[in-house]
C-alpha atoms as a PDB file:
ATOM      1  CA  MET A   1     117.501 -97.421 157.837  1.00  0.00           C
ATOM      2  CA  ASP A   2     114.030 -99.655 159.427  1.00  0.00           C
ATOM      3  CA  VAL A   3     114.392 -99.121 163.060  1.00  0.00           C
ATOM      4  CA  THR A   4     111.020-100.037 164.045  1.00  0.00           C
ATOM      5  CA  ASP A   5     109.802-102.624 166.406  1.00  0.00           C
ATOM      6  CA  LYS A   6     109.244-105.569 165.209  1.00  0.00           C
ATOM      7  CA  PRO A   7     107.821-109.581 165.593  1.00  0.00           C
ATOM      8  CA  THR A   8     109.668-112.904 165.641  1.00  0.00           C
ATOM      9  CA  GLN A   9     108.889-116.378 165.762  1.00  0.00           C
ATOM     10  CA  ILE A  10     106.253-117.469 167.824  1.00  0.00           C
ATOM     11  CA  ARG A  11     108.380-118.674 171.362  1.00  0.00           C
ATOM     12  CA  GLN A  12     108.034-122.933 172.270  1.00  0.00           C
ATOM     13  CA  GLY A  13     104.703-123.514 174.303  1.00  0.00           C
ATOM     14  CA  GLU A  14     102.931-120.365 173.169  1.00  0.00           C
ATOM     15  CA  GLU A  15     101.553-121.249 169.666  1.00  0.00           C
ATOM     16  CA  LEU A  16      97.623-120.179 168.811  1.00  0.00           C
ATOM     17  CA  ASP A  17      95.066-122.493 167.305  1.00  0.00           C
ATOM     18  CA  LEU A  18      95.659-120.479 163.697  1.00  0.00           C
ATOM     19  CA  LYS A  19      92.791-122.172 162.509  1.00  0.00           C
ATOM     20  CA  THR A  20      90.414-120.816 165.118  1.00  0.00           C
ATOM     21  CA  VAL A  21      92.052-117.642 165.923  1.00  0.00           C
ATOM     22  CA  GLU A  22      91.117-116.887 161.979  1.00  0.00           C
ATOM     23  CA  ALA A  23      87.696-117.746 162.233  1.00  0.00           C
ATOM     24  CA  PHE A  24      86.909-115.711 164.911  1.00  0.00           C
ATOM     25  CA  LEU A  25      88.499-112.934 163.920  1.00  0.00           C
ATOM     26  CA  LYS A  26      87.232-113.556 160.563  1.00  0.00           C
ATOM     27  CA  ASP A  27      83.172-113.476 162.174  1.00  0.00           C
ATOM     28  CA  SER A  28      84.133-110.623 164.020  1.00  0.00           C
ATOM     29  CA  ILE A  29      86.056-107.533 162.529  1.00  0.00           C
ATOM     30  CA  PRO A  30      84.368-106.864 159.076  1.00  0.00           C
ATOM     31  CA  GLY A  31      86.703-106.496 155.750  1.00  0.00           C
ATOM     32  CA  LEU A  32      89.481-108.682 157.297  1.00  0.00           C
ATOM     33  CA  ALA A  33      90.379-111.265 153.931  1.00  0.00           C
ATOM     34  CA  GLY A  34      93.611-113.352 153.211  1.00  0.00           C
ATOM     35  CA  GLU A  35      96.048-115.621 154.479  1.00  0.00           C
ATOM     36  CA  LEU A  36      96.354-115.013 158.708  1.00  0.00           C
ATOM     37  CA  VAL A  37      99.908-115.114 160.074  1.00  0.00           C
ATOM     38  CA  VAL A  38     100.883-114.540 163.154  1.00  0.00           C
ATOM     39  CA  GLU A  39     104.027-113.693 164.760  1.00  0.00           C
ATOM     40  CA  GLN A  40     104.913-112.702 168.396  1.00  0.00           C
ATOM     41  CA  PHE A  41     106.593-109.905 169.722  1.00  0.00           C
ATOM     42  CA  PRO A  42     109.186-111.114 171.730  1.00  0.00           C
ATOM     43  CA  SER A  43     109.804-108.491 174.731  1.00  0.00           C
ATOM     44  CA  GLY A  44     107.680-108.040 177.851  1.00  0.00           C
ATOM     45  CA  PHE A  45     107.257-110.506 181.035  1.00  0.00           C
ATOM     46  CA  SER A  46     103.493-110.573 181.854  1.00  0.00           C
ATOM     47  CA  ASN A  47     100.627-110.364 178.960  1.00  0.00           C
ATOM     48  CA  LEU A  48     101.736-111.881 175.670  1.00  0.00           C
ATOM     49  CA  THR A  49     101.437-110.119 172.645  1.00  0.00           C
ATOM     50  CA  TYR A  50     100.558-111.662 168.908  1.00  0.00           C
ATOM     51  CA  LEU A  51     100.778-109.273 165.745  1.00  0.00           C
ATOM     52  CA  ILE A  52      98.343-111.077 163.272  1.00  0.00           C
ATOM     53  CA  ARG A  53      98.781-110.000 159.798  1.00  0.00           C
ATOM     54  CA  VAL A  54      95.750-111.232 158.135  1.00  0.00           C
ATOM     55  CA  GLY A  55      96.284-109.720 154.162  1.00  0.00           C
ATOM     56  CA  SER A  56      97.226-106.444 154.197  1.00  0.00           C
ATOM     57  CA  THR A  57      95.629-105.753 157.780  1.00  0.00           C
ATOM     58  CA  ASP A  58      98.133-106.110 160.855  1.00  0.00           C
ATOM     59  CA  LEU A  59      96.562-106.325 164.217  1.00  0.00           C
ATOM     60  CA  VAL A  60      97.958-107.247 167.505  1.00  0.00           C
ATOM     61  CA  LEU A  61      96.313-109.635 170.111  1.00  0.00           C
ATOM     62  CA  ARG A  62      97.319-109.865 173.774  1.00  0.00           C
ATOM     63  CA  ARG A  63      96.026-113.106 175.729  1.00  0.00           C
ATOM     64  CA  PRO A  64      97.681-113.688 179.235  1.00  0.00           C
ATOM     65  CA  PRO A  65     100.604-115.975 179.801  1.00  0.00           C
ATOM     66  CA  PHE A  66      99.744-119.893 179.383  1.00  0.00           C
ATOM     67  CA  GLY A  67      99.230-121.414 183.003  1.00  0.00           C
ATOM     68  CA  ARG A  68      97.720-118.311 184.574  1.00  0.00           C
ATOM     69  CA  LYS A  69      94.682-118.503 187.088  1.00  0.00           C
ATOM     70  CA  ALA A  70      91.618-116.860 186.170  1.00  0.00           C
ATOM     71  CA  LYS A  71      92.661-113.561 188.161  1.00  0.00           C
ATOM     72  CA  THR A  72      95.068-112.616 185.215  1.00  0.00           C
ATOM     73  CA  ALA A  73      91.743-113.173 182.355  1.00  0.00           C
ATOM     74  CA  HIS A  74      90.458-110.143 184.478  1.00  0.00           C
ATOM     75  CA  ASP A  75      92.988-107.968 183.131  1.00  0.00           C
ATOM     76  CA  MET A  76      92.644-108.665 180.027  1.00  0.00           C
ATOM     77  CA  GLY A  77      88.688-107.187 180.487  1.00  0.00           C
ATOM     78  CA  ARG A  78      89.728-104.188 182.248  1.00  0.00           C
ATOM     79  CA  GLU A  79      92.369-103.551 179.379  1.00  0.00           C
ATOM     80  CA  TYR A  80      90.390-103.583 176.657  1.00  0.00           C
ATOM     81  CA  ARG A  81      87.580-101.622 178.995  1.00  0.00           C
ATOM     82  CA  ILE A  82      89.961 -98.622 179.548  1.00  0.00           C
ATOM     83  CA  LEU A  83      91.467 -98.697 176.025  1.00  0.00           C
ATOM     84  CA  SER A  84      87.484 -98.465 174.624  1.00  0.00           C
ATOM     85  CA  ALA A  85      87.140 -95.236 177.229  1.00  0.00           C
ATOM     86  CA  LEU A  86      90.530 -93.563 176.329  1.00  0.00           C
ATOM     87  CA  ASN A  87      90.814 -94.527 172.371  1.00  0.00           C
ATOM     88  CA  PRO A  88      88.046 -90.989 171.761  1.00  0.00           C
ATOM     89  CA  VAL A  89      89.969 -89.207 174.154  1.00  0.00           C
ATOM     90  CA  PHE A  90      93.413 -89.712 174.161  1.00  0.00           C
ATOM     91  CA  PRO A  91      95.208 -89.858 170.683  1.00  0.00           C
ATOM     92  CA  TYR A  92      98.171 -92.505 171.758  1.00  0.00           C
ATOM     93  CA  CYS A  93      95.831 -95.383 173.069  1.00  0.00           C
ATOM     94  CA  PRO A  94      95.207 -98.132 170.460  1.00  0.00           C
ATOM     95  CA  LYS A  95      91.826 -98.658 169.574  1.00  0.00           C
ATOM     96  CA  PRO A  96      90.502-101.944 170.297  1.00  0.00           C
ATOM     97  CA  LEU A  97      88.835-104.256 168.305  1.00  0.00           C
ATOM     98  CA  VAL A  98      87.511-107.113 169.763  1.00  0.00           C
ATOM     99  CA  TYR A  99      87.101-108.899 173.202  1.00  0.00           C
ATOM    100  CA  THR A 100      85.919-112.799 174.101  1.00  0.00           C
ATOM    101  CA  GLU A 101      85.881-114.643 177.114  1.00  0.00           C
ATOM    102  CA  ASP A 102      85.033-117.794 175.131  1.00  0.00           C
ATOM    103  CA  ALA A 103      87.022-120.397 175.747  1.00  0.00           C
ATOM    104  CA  ALA A 104      86.414-122.489 172.860  1.00  0.00           C
ATOM    105  CA  VAL A 105      88.762-120.277 170.985  1.00  0.00           C
ATOM    106  CA  MET A 106      91.715-119.541 172.662  1.00  0.00           C
ATOM    107  CA  GLY A 107      90.873-120.924 176.367  1.00  0.00           C
ATOM    108  CA  CYS A 108      91.267-117.650 177.855  1.00  0.00           C
ATOM    109  CA  PRO A 109      90.145-114.467 177.409  1.00  0.00           C
ATOM    110  CA  PHE A 110      91.997-112.707 174.850  1.00  0.00           C
ATOM    111  CA  TYR A 111      91.395-109.508 172.997  1.00  0.00           C
ATOM    112  CA  VAL A 112      92.503-107.628 169.537  1.00  0.00           C
ATOM    113  CA  MET A 113      93.702-104.111 169.081  1.00  0.00           C
ATOM    114  CA  GLU A 114      94.983-101.771 165.739  1.00  0.00           C
ATOM    115  CA  ARG A 115      98.697-102.125 165.447  1.00  0.00           C
ATOM    116  CA  ILE A 116     100.195 -99.052 166.092  1.00  0.00           C
ATOM    117  CA  PRO A 117     103.650 -99.852 164.458  1.00  0.00           C
ATOM    118  CA  GLY A 118     106.422 -97.893 165.135  1.00  0.00           C
ATOM    119  CA  ILE A 119     110.184 -97.822 167.158  1.00  0.00           C
ATOM    120  CA  ILE A 120     109.974 -98.503 170.786  1.00  0.00           C
ATOM    121  CA  LEU A 121     113.165 -98.045 172.921  1.00  0.00           C
ATOM    122  CA  ARG A 122     114.890-100.335 175.034  1.00  0.00           C
ATOM    123  CA  LYS A 123     118.150-100.680 176.563  1.00  0.00           C
ATOM    124  CA  LYS A 124     120.195-100.274 173.177  1.00  0.00           C
ATOM    125  CA  LEU A 125     118.738 -98.067 171.269  1.00  0.00           C
ATOM    126  CA  PRO A 126     117.804 -99.892 167.917  1.00  0.00           C
ATOM    127  CA  LYS A 127     120.836 -99.872 165.136  1.00  0.00           C
ATOM    128  CA  GLY A 128     120.831 -97.005 162.526  1.00  0.00           C
ATOM    129  CA  LEU A 129     119.234 -94.917 165.806  1.00  0.00           C
ATOM    130  CA  GLU A 130     120.824 -91.946 167.164  1.00  0.00           C
ATOM    131  CA  TYR A 131     120.343 -88.945 169.145  1.00  0.00           C
ATOM    132  CA  THR A 132     122.305 -85.829 170.131  1.00  0.00           C
ATOM    133  CA  PRO A 133     121.770 -84.408 173.876  1.00  0.00           C
ATOM    134  CA  ASP A 134     119.411 -81.710 172.663  1.00  0.00           C
ATOM    135  CA  GLN A 135     117.196 -84.466 171.103  1.00  0.00           C
ATOM    136  CA  MET A 136     117.352 -86.715 174.003  1.00  0.00           C
ATOM    137  CA  ARG A 137     116.248 -84.007 176.448  1.00  0.00           C
ATOM    138  CA  THR A 138     113.715 -83.201 174.224  1.00  0.00           C
ATOM    139  CA  LEU A 139     112.733 -86.337 173.959  1.00  0.00           C
ATOM    140  CA  CYS A 140     112.434 -86.945 177.966  1.00  0.00           C
ATOM    141  CA  GLY A 141     110.425 -84.244 177.654  1.00  0.00           C
ATOM    142  CA  ASN A 142     108.083 -85.298 175.538  1.00  0.00           C
ATOM    143  CA  LEU A 143     107.248 -88.838 177.403  1.00  0.00           C
ATOM    144  CA  LEU A 144     106.843 -86.430 180.771  1.00  0.00           C
ATOM    145  CA  ASP A 145     104.313 -84.235 178.863  1.00  0.00           C
ATOM    146  CA  VAL A 146     102.035 -86.751 177.459  1.00  0.00           C
ATOM    147  CA  HIS A 147     101.888 -88.601 181.299  1.00  0.00           C
ATOM    148  CA  VAL A 148     100.731 -85.165 182.505  1.00  0.00           C
ATOM    149  CA  GLN A 149      98.171 -85.456 179.683  1.00  0.00           C
ATOM    150  CA  LEU A 150      96.852 -88.515 180.423  1.00  0.00           C
ATOM    151  CA  HIS A 151      97.000 -87.540 183.787  1.00  0.00           C
ATOM    152  CA  SER A 152      94.804 -84.750 183.144  1.00  0.00           C
ATOM    153  CA  ILE A 153      91.980 -86.474 181.519  1.00  0.00           C
ATOM    154  CA  ASP A 154      88.241 -86.418 183.173  1.00  0.00           C
ATOM    155  CA  TYR A 155      87.853 -90.179 184.224  1.00  0.00           C
ATOM    156  CA  LYS A 156      84.448 -89.609 185.355  1.00  0.00           C
ATOM    157  CA  ALA A 157      83.715 -87.737 181.779  1.00  0.00           C
ATOM    158  CA  ILE A 158      84.693 -90.784 179.645  1.00  0.00           C
ATOM    159  CA  GLY A 159      83.002 -93.485 181.864  1.00  0.00           C
ATOM    160  CA  LEU A 160      85.435 -95.194 184.201  1.00  0.00           C
ATOM    161  CA  ASP A 161      84.454 -93.449 187.888  1.00  0.00           C
ATOM    162  CA  GLY A 162      84.415 -96.826 189.640  1.00  0.00           C
ATOM    163  CA  PHE A 163      86.828 -97.904 187.492  1.00  0.00           C
ATOM    164  CA  GLY A 164      89.562 -97.998 190.717  1.00  0.00           C
ATOM    165  CA  LYS A 165      89.077 -97.042 194.632  1.00  0.00           C
ATOM    166  CA  PRO A 166      91.075 -94.041 194.406  1.00  0.00           C
ATOM    167  CA  GLU A 167      90.179 -93.499 198.748  1.00  0.00           C
ATOM    168  CA  GLY A 168      92.879 -94.958 200.384  1.00  0.00           C
ATOM    169  CA  TYR A 169      94.733 -96.001 197.516  1.00  0.00           C
ATOM    170  CA  VAL A 170      98.363 -95.424 198.798  1.00  0.00           C
ATOM    171  CA  LYS A 171      97.812 -97.742 201.765  1.00  0.00           C
ATOM    172  CA  ARG A 172      96.789-100.662 199.395  1.00  0.00           C
ATOM    173  CA  GLN A 173      99.683-100.394 197.578  1.00  0.00           C
ATOM    174  CA  VAL A 174     102.040-100.278 200.125  1.00  0.00           C
ATOM    175  CA  GLU A 175     100.527-103.593 201.902  1.00  0.00           C
ATOM    176  CA  GLY A 176      99.150-104.837 198.910  1.00  0.00           C
ATOM    177  CA  TRP A 177     102.801-104.519 197.300  1.00  0.00           C
ATOM    178  CA  THR A 178     104.680-105.608 200.897  1.00  0.00           C
ATOM    179  CA  GLU A 179     102.114-108.803 200.906  1.00  0.00           C
ATOM    180  CA  ARG A 180     103.339-109.641 197.418  1.00  0.00           C
ATOM    181  CA  TYR A 181     107.116-109.535 197.895  1.00  0.00           C
ATOM    182  CA  ARG A 182     106.248-111.684 200.799  1.00  0.00           C
ATOM    183  CA  ALA A 183     104.234-114.619 199.107  1.00  0.00           C
ATOM    184  CA  ALA A 184     107.108-114.504 196.399  1.00  0.00           C
ATOM    185  CA  ARG A 185     109.875-114.358 198.007  1.00  0.00           C
ATOM    186  CA  THR A 186     112.559-117.484 197.121  1.00  0.00           C
ATOM    187  CA  PRO A 187     115.538-118.864 199.384  1.00  0.00           C
ATOM    188  CA  ASP A 188     117.644-117.101 197.419  1.00  0.00           C
ATOM    189  CA  ALA A 189     116.284-113.251 197.455  1.00  0.00           C
ATOM    190  CA  PRO A 190     116.571-110.790 199.627  1.00  0.00           C
ATOM    191  CA  THR A 191     113.921-109.989 202.248  1.00  0.00           C
ATOM    192  CA  CYS A 192     113.203-106.536 202.028  1.00  0.00           C
ATOM    193  CA  GLU A 193     111.496-106.013 205.068  1.00  0.00           C
ATOM    194  CA  GLY A 194     113.738-102.285 205.763  1.00  0.00           C
ATOM    195  CA  ILE A 195     112.188-101.199 202.595  1.00  0.00           C
ATOM    196  CA  MET A 196     108.740-102.436 203.271  1.00  0.00           C
ATOM    197  CA  GLN A 197     108.503-100.833 206.985  1.00  0.00           C
ATOM    198  CA  TRP A 198     110.161 -97.790 205.402  1.00  0.00           C
ATOM    199  CA  LEU A 199     107.725 -97.326 203.105  1.00  0.00           C
ATOM    200  CA  HIS A 200     104.798 -98.019 205.822  1.00  0.00           C
ATOM    201  CA  ASP A 201     105.906 -95.606 208.008  1.00  0.00           C
ATOM    202  CA  HIS A 202     105.780 -92.339 205.929  1.00  0.00           C
ATOM    203  CA  MET A 203     103.227 -93.323 203.548  1.00  0.00           C
ATOM    204  CA  PRO A 204     101.616 -89.729 202.613  1.00  0.00           C
ATOM    205  CA  PRO A 205      98.150 -88.891 201.886  1.00  0.00           C
ATOM    206  CA  ASP A 206      96.167 -89.872 198.778  1.00  0.00           C
ATOM    207  CA  PHE A 207      96.807 -87.187 195.845  1.00  0.00           C
ATOM    208  CA  ALA A 208      93.909 -84.623 196.615  1.00  0.00           C
ATOM    209  CA  ARG A 209      93.139 -84.743 192.443  1.00  0.00           C
ATOM    210  CA  PRO A 210      93.207 -89.034 191.470  1.00  0.00           C
ATOM    211  CA  ALA A 211      93.761 -89.720 187.572  1.00  0.00           C
ATOM    212  CA  VAL A 212      93.444 -92.393 185.372  1.00  0.00           C
ATOM    213  CA  ILE A 213      97.268 -94.094 185.775  1.00  0.00           C
ATOM    214  CA  HIS A 214      99.163 -96.371 183.617  1.00  0.00           C
ATOM    215  CA  ASN A 215     101.288 -98.040 186.520  1.00  0.00           C
ATOM    216  CA  ASP A 216     104.092 -99.000 183.900  1.00  0.00           C
ATOM    217  CA  TYR A 217     104.485 -95.782 181.486  1.00  0.00           C
ATOM    218  CA  LYS A 218     108.033 -95.712 180.410  1.00  0.00           C
ATOM    219  CA  PHE A 219     109.961 -95.809 177.027  1.00  0.00           C
ATOM    220  CA  ASP A 220     109.290 -99.541 176.281  1.00  0.00           C
ATOM    221  CA  ASN A 221     105.867 -99.049 176.586  1.00  0.00           C
ATOM    222  CA  VAL A 222     105.138 -96.529 174.345  1.00  0.00           C
ATOM    223  CA  VAL A 223     105.467 -95.709 170.644  1.00  0.00           C
ATOM    224  CA  LEU A 224     107.938 -92.990 168.871  1.00  0.00           C
ATOM    225  CA  ASN A 225     107.133 -92.021 165.417  1.00  0.00           C
ATOM    226  CA  PRO A 226     109.419 -93.690 162.700  1.00  0.00           C
ATOM    227  CA  ASP A 227     109.838 -90.306 160.682  1.00  0.00           C
ATOM    228  CA  ASN A 228     110.777 -88.278 163.555  1.00  0.00           C
ATOM    229  CA  PRO A 229     111.575 -90.407 166.603  1.00  0.00           C
ATOM    230  CA  LEU A 230     110.989 -87.413 168.958  1.00  0.00           C
ATOM    231  CA  GLU A 231     107.368 -87.703 168.495  1.00  0.00           C
ATOM    232  CA  ILE A 232     105.393 -90.159 170.956  1.00  0.00           C
ATOM    233  CA  ILE A 233     102.443 -91.616 168.847  1.00  0.00           C
ATOM    234  CA  GLY A 234     101.446 -94.111 171.030  1.00  0.00           C
ATOM    235  CA  VAL A 235     101.436 -95.851 174.474  1.00  0.00           C
ATOM    236  CA  LEU A 236     101.176 -99.671 175.280  1.00  0.00           C
ATOM    237  CA  ASP A 237     100.615-102.368 177.779  1.00  0.00           C
ATOM    238  CA  TRP A 238      97.503-101.154 179.723  1.00  0.00           C
ATOM    239  CA  GLU A 239      96.902-103.874 182.053  1.00  0.00           C
ATOM    240  CA  MET A 240      97.734-102.557 185.101  1.00  0.00           C
ATOM    241  CA  ALA A 241      95.815 -99.122 184.718  1.00  0.00           C
ATOM    242  CA  THR A 242      93.697 -97.637 187.027  1.00  0.00           C
ATOM    243  CA  ILE A 243      92.201 -94.878 188.663  1.00  0.00           C
ATOM    244  CA  GLY A 244      94.469 -93.714 191.359  1.00  0.00           C
ATOM    245  CA  ASP A 245      97.350 -91.416 192.546  1.00  0.00           C
ATOM    246  CA  PRO A 246      98.938 -89.930 189.829  1.00  0.00           C
ATOM    247  CA  LEU A 247     102.427 -89.549 191.795  1.00  0.00           C
ATOM    248  CA  MET A 248     102.667 -92.994 192.699  1.00  0.00           C
ATOM    249  CA  ASP A 249     102.617 -93.525 188.877  1.00  0.00           C
ATOM    250  CA  LEU A 250     105.285 -91.324 188.371  1.00  0.00           C
ATOM    251  CA  GLY A 251     106.994 -92.810 191.063  1.00  0.00           C
ATOM    252  CA  SER A 252     106.301 -95.981 189.779  1.00  0.00           C
ATOM    253  CA  SER A 253     107.511 -94.831 186.058  1.00  0.00           C
ATOM    254  CA  LEU A 254     110.854 -92.879 188.207  1.00  0.00           C
ATOM    255  CA  GLY A 255     111.646 -96.467 189.706  1.00  0.00           C
ATOM    256  CA  TYR A 256     112.802 -97.693 185.795  1.00  0.00           C
ATOM    257  CA  TRP A 257     114.466 -94.268 185.505  1.00  0.00           C
ATOM    258  CA  VAL A 258     118.336 -95.001 186.005  1.00  0.00           C
ATOM    259  CA  GLN A 259     120.650 -92.116 185.329  1.00  0.00           C
ATOM    260  CA  ALA A 260     124.293 -91.032 184.228  1.00  0.00           C
ATOM    261  CA  ASP A 261     125.238 -90.536 187.763  1.00  0.00           C
ATOM    262  CA  ASP A 262     123.857 -93.796 189.503  1.00  0.00           C
ATOM    263  CA  PRO A 263     126.136 -96.360 190.605  1.00  0.00           C
ATOM    264  CA  PRO A 264     127.628 -98.845 188.267  1.00  0.00           C
ATOM    265  CA  GLU A 265     125.643-101.995 189.758  1.00  0.00           C
ATOM    266  CA  VAL A 266     122.454 -99.491 189.254  1.00  0.00           C
ATOM    267  CA  GLN A 267     123.431 -98.643 184.933  1.00  0.00           C
ATOM    268  CA  LEU A 268     123.921-102.765 184.773  1.00  0.00           C
ATOM    269  CA  ALA A 269     120.391-103.197 185.977  1.00  0.00           C
ATOM    270  CA  GLY A 270     119.043-100.883 184.456  1.00  0.00           C
ATOM    271  CA  MET A 271     116.554-101.515 180.949  1.00  0.00           C
ATOM    272  CA  LEU A 272     115.856 -98.065 179.595  1.00  0.00           C
ATOM    273  CA  PRO A 273     117.703 -95.503 177.323  1.00  0.00           C
ATOM    274  CA  THR A 274     117.399 -93.140 180.222  1.00  0.00           C
ATOM    275  CA  ASN A 275     121.192 -92.293 181.026  1.00  0.00           C
ATOM    276  CA  LEU A 276     122.122 -91.357 177.435  1.00  0.00           C
ATOM    277  CA  PRO A 277     123.819 -88.094 177.035  1.00  0.00           C
ATOM    278  CA  GLY A 278     121.283 -85.501 177.780  1.00  0.00           C
ATOM    279  CA  ALA A 279     118.591 -87.351 179.297  1.00  0.00           C
ATOM    280  CA  LEU A 280     116.761 -85.366 182.174  1.00  0.00           C
ATOM    281  CA  THR A 281     117.462 -86.355 185.439  1.00  0.00           C
ATOM    282  CA  ARG A 282     114.987 -88.137 187.876  1.00  0.00           C
ATOM    283  CA  ALA A 283     114.752 -84.301 190.002  1.00  0.00           C
ATOM    284  CA  GLU A 284     114.356 -82.418 186.756  1.00  0.00           C
ATOM    285  CA  MET A 285     111.387 -85.185 185.400  1.00  0.00           C
ATOM    286  CA  VAL A 286     109.582 -84.312 188.548  1.00  0.00           C
ATOM    287  CA  GLU A 287     110.304 -80.730 188.459  1.00  0.00           C
ATOM    288  CA  ARG A 288     108.980 -80.683 184.966  1.00  0.00           C
ATOM    289  CA  TYR A 289     105.821 -82.148 185.807  1.00  0.00           C
ATOM    290  CA  ALA A 290     105.146 -79.945 188.449  1.00  0.00           C
ATOM    291  CA  ASP A 291     105.315 -77.429 186.281  1.00  0.00           C
ATOM    292  CA  LYS A 292     103.434 -78.723 183.808  1.00  0.00           C
ATOM    293  CA  ALA A 293     100.491 -80.035 186.175  1.00  0.00           C
ATOM    294  CA  GLY A 294     100.432 -76.746 187.782  1.00  0.00           C
ATOM    295  CA  ILE A 295     101.356 -78.431 191.449  1.00  0.00           C
ATOM    296  CA  THR A 296     103.905 -78.616 194.279  1.00  0.00           C
ATOM    297  CA  ILE A 297     105.893 -81.516 194.963  1.00  0.00           C
ATOM    298  CA  ASP A 298     107.925 -81.106 198.394  1.00  0.00           C
ATOM    299  CA  ASN A 299     109.210 -84.448 198.641  1.00  0.00           C
ATOM    300  CA  PHE A 300     109.559 -87.249 196.314  1.00  0.00           C
ATOM    301  CA  ASP A 301     111.312 -89.772 198.234  1.00  0.00           C
ATOM    302  CA  PHE A 302     108.581 -91.702 199.033  1.00  0.00           C
ATOM    303  CA  TYR A 303     107.344 -92.440 195.585  1.00  0.00           C
ATOM    304  CA  TYR A 304     110.219 -92.608 193.921  1.00  0.00           C
ATOM    305  CA  TYR A 305     111.171 -95.731 196.703  1.00  0.00           C
ATOM    306  CA  PHE A 306     108.277 -97.344 196.120  1.00  0.00           C
ATOM    307  CA  GLY A 307     108.388 -97.277 192.588  1.00  0.00           C
ATOM    308  CA  ILE A 308     111.868 -98.989 192.796  1.00  0.00           C
ATOM    309  CA  PHE A 309     110.462-101.170 195.486  1.00  0.00           C
ATOM    310  CA  ARG A 310     107.765-101.897 193.332  1.00  0.00           C
ATOM    311  CA  ILE A 311     109.902-102.969 190.302  1.00  0.00           C
ATOM    312  CA  ALA A 312     111.430-105.771 192.890  1.00  0.00           C
ATOM    313  CA  VAL A 313     107.951-107.110 193.721  1.00  0.00           C
ATOM    314  CA  ILE A 314     107.219-107.399 189.486  1.00  0.00           C
ATOM    315  CA  MET A 315     110.561-109.376 189.638  1.00  0.00           C
ATOM    316  CA  GLN A 316     110.593-111.427 192.076  1.00  0.00           C
ATOM    317  CA  GLN A 317     107.433-112.767 191.096  1.00  0.00           C
ATOM    318  CA  ILE A 318     108.240-113.357 187.769  1.00  0.00           C
ATOM    319  CA  TYR A 319     111.547-115.137 189.037  1.00  0.00           C
ATOM    320  CA  TYR A 320     109.109-117.124 191.276  1.00  0.00           C
ATOM    321  CA  ARG A 321     107.752-118.456 188.107  1.00  0.00           C
ATOM    322  CA  SER A 322     111.104-119.305 186.926  1.00  0.00           C
ATOM    323  CA  TYR A 323     112.297-120.711 190.610  1.00  0.00           C
ATOM    324  CA  HIS A 324     109.604-122.996 190.291  1.00  0.00           C
ATOM    325  CA  GLY A 325     110.043-124.697 187.450  1.00  0.00           C
ATOM    326  CA  GLN A 326     106.433-122.922 186.099  1.00  0.00           C
ATOM    327  CA  THR A 327     108.373-121.339 182.540  1.00  0.00           C
ATOM    328  CA  SER A 328     111.283-122.359 180.615  1.00  0.00           C
ATOM    329  CA  ASP A 329     112.167-118.651 179.256  1.00  0.00           C
ATOM    330  CA  PRO A 330     115.748-118.025 180.076  1.00  0.00           C
ATOM    331  CA  ARG A 331     115.181-114.490 180.286  1.00  0.00           C
ATOM    332  CA  PHE A 332     113.515-114.864 183.793  1.00  0.00           C
ATOM    333  CA  LYS A 333     116.469-116.688 185.520  1.00  0.00           C
ATOM    334  CA  VAL A 334     118.786-113.797 185.889  1.00  0.00           C
ATOM    335  CA  LEU A 335     115.995-111.189 187.545  1.00  0.00           C
ATOM    336  CA  ILE A 336     116.908-112.418 191.047  1.00  0.00           C
ATOM    337  CA  PHE A 337     120.318-110.289 190.430  1.00  0.00           C
ATOM    338  CA  ALA A 338     118.080-107.315 189.742  1.00  0.00           C
ATOM    339  CA  VAL A 339     116.384-107.983 193.510  1.00  0.00           C
ATOM    340  CA  HIS A 340     119.262-107.840 194.867  1.00  0.00           C
ATOM    341  CA  ILE A 341     120.817-104.378 193.361  1.00  0.00           C
ATOM    342  CA  ILE A 342     117.379-103.307 193.658  1.00  0.00           C
ATOM    343  CA  ASN A 343     117.641-104.106 197.610  1.00  0.00           C
ATOM    344  CA  ASP A 344     121.040-102.814 198.226  1.00  0.00           C
ATOM    345  CA  GLU A 345     120.511-100.063 196.400  1.00  0.00           C
ATOM    346  CA  VAL A 346     117.567 -98.424 197.903  1.00  0.00           C
ATOM    347  CA  THR A 347     118.832-100.094 201.688  1.00  0.00           C
ATOM    348  CA  LYS A 348     121.887 -97.909 201.173  1.00  0.00           C
ATOM    349  CA  ARG A 349     119.588 -94.790 200.368  1.00  0.00           C
ATOM    350  CA  LEU A 350     117.537 -95.404 203.163  1.00  0.00           C
ATOM    351  CA  LYS A 351     120.803 -95.624 205.558  1.00  0.00           C
ATOM    352  CA  SER A 352     122.257 -92.222 204.103  1.00  0.00           C
ATOM    353  CA  ASN A 353     119.024 -90.105 204.388  1.00  0.00           C
ATOM    354  CA  ALA A 354     118.086 -91.603 208.383  1.00  0.00           C
END
């Protein structure tokens, strides 16, 4: 049974000018021939992702959402740059093919990369795919090991020195995400002031060895081998990647890690299959990371709570667009409930640990 991730028809209002795109691609990428067909990958809440099929060649096009301001266009350039640097040394990184800022093509910067076909896991496993507890444990370990491999890359050696500002990274992240939440808060959203104050009061020093960090590393951003669904063959969605604190990156990943013994309301808000029988717990993932990276992690609470709060901010930013009528995507309307769940759960945990 075919369980690979598949595109669907393009959402209304997110169509591309096919003639212009086809002409640009055939001029820019040697060897393309045949009719152009475009579909859209339906998941994700940020940059838009399309499958471009030209004859027998499959490509992936990434562009900012319609209506976004110029700052997001910079994300396209950053994403293309890091793909270009990482692809030769990190085998899970898709190969970028062409990038342009020419507004005459699409009205915004965008880039095209190779497609890595395979399985992408979300909350519910694809029909026909099952994991035994032992297999799920192995898969979680494989996910963690690729994350460690990314963090072990010498970013200066591949030309990414200056891609980010690792000094003061933790402080900037706490202050930046605090400002973003306050700016995106709607009248029906919680204040999250208690969480933000706790994070400000408990900031650790920056990690001694900064690294390339993905900033959105999780199951639905990795591609699994269809012939061996335990093997990771691709890592996608590099738009938030930078040079920074790898423990902050791990915390951001584990913020999504809902495990089997979490409360029912947290289980409801979970977006990934991390609560299946056999899956590693958050504590086991941290222990494995420390062992693989050869470091000691004494207190992971700050990084984990930051990771959860960061997810709440992202959801609130997306919900803000829906609340103010900037998008009609029905998925966005329910995100406010997840923001409340995160606020209530983190607040409860902080009080119990006080």
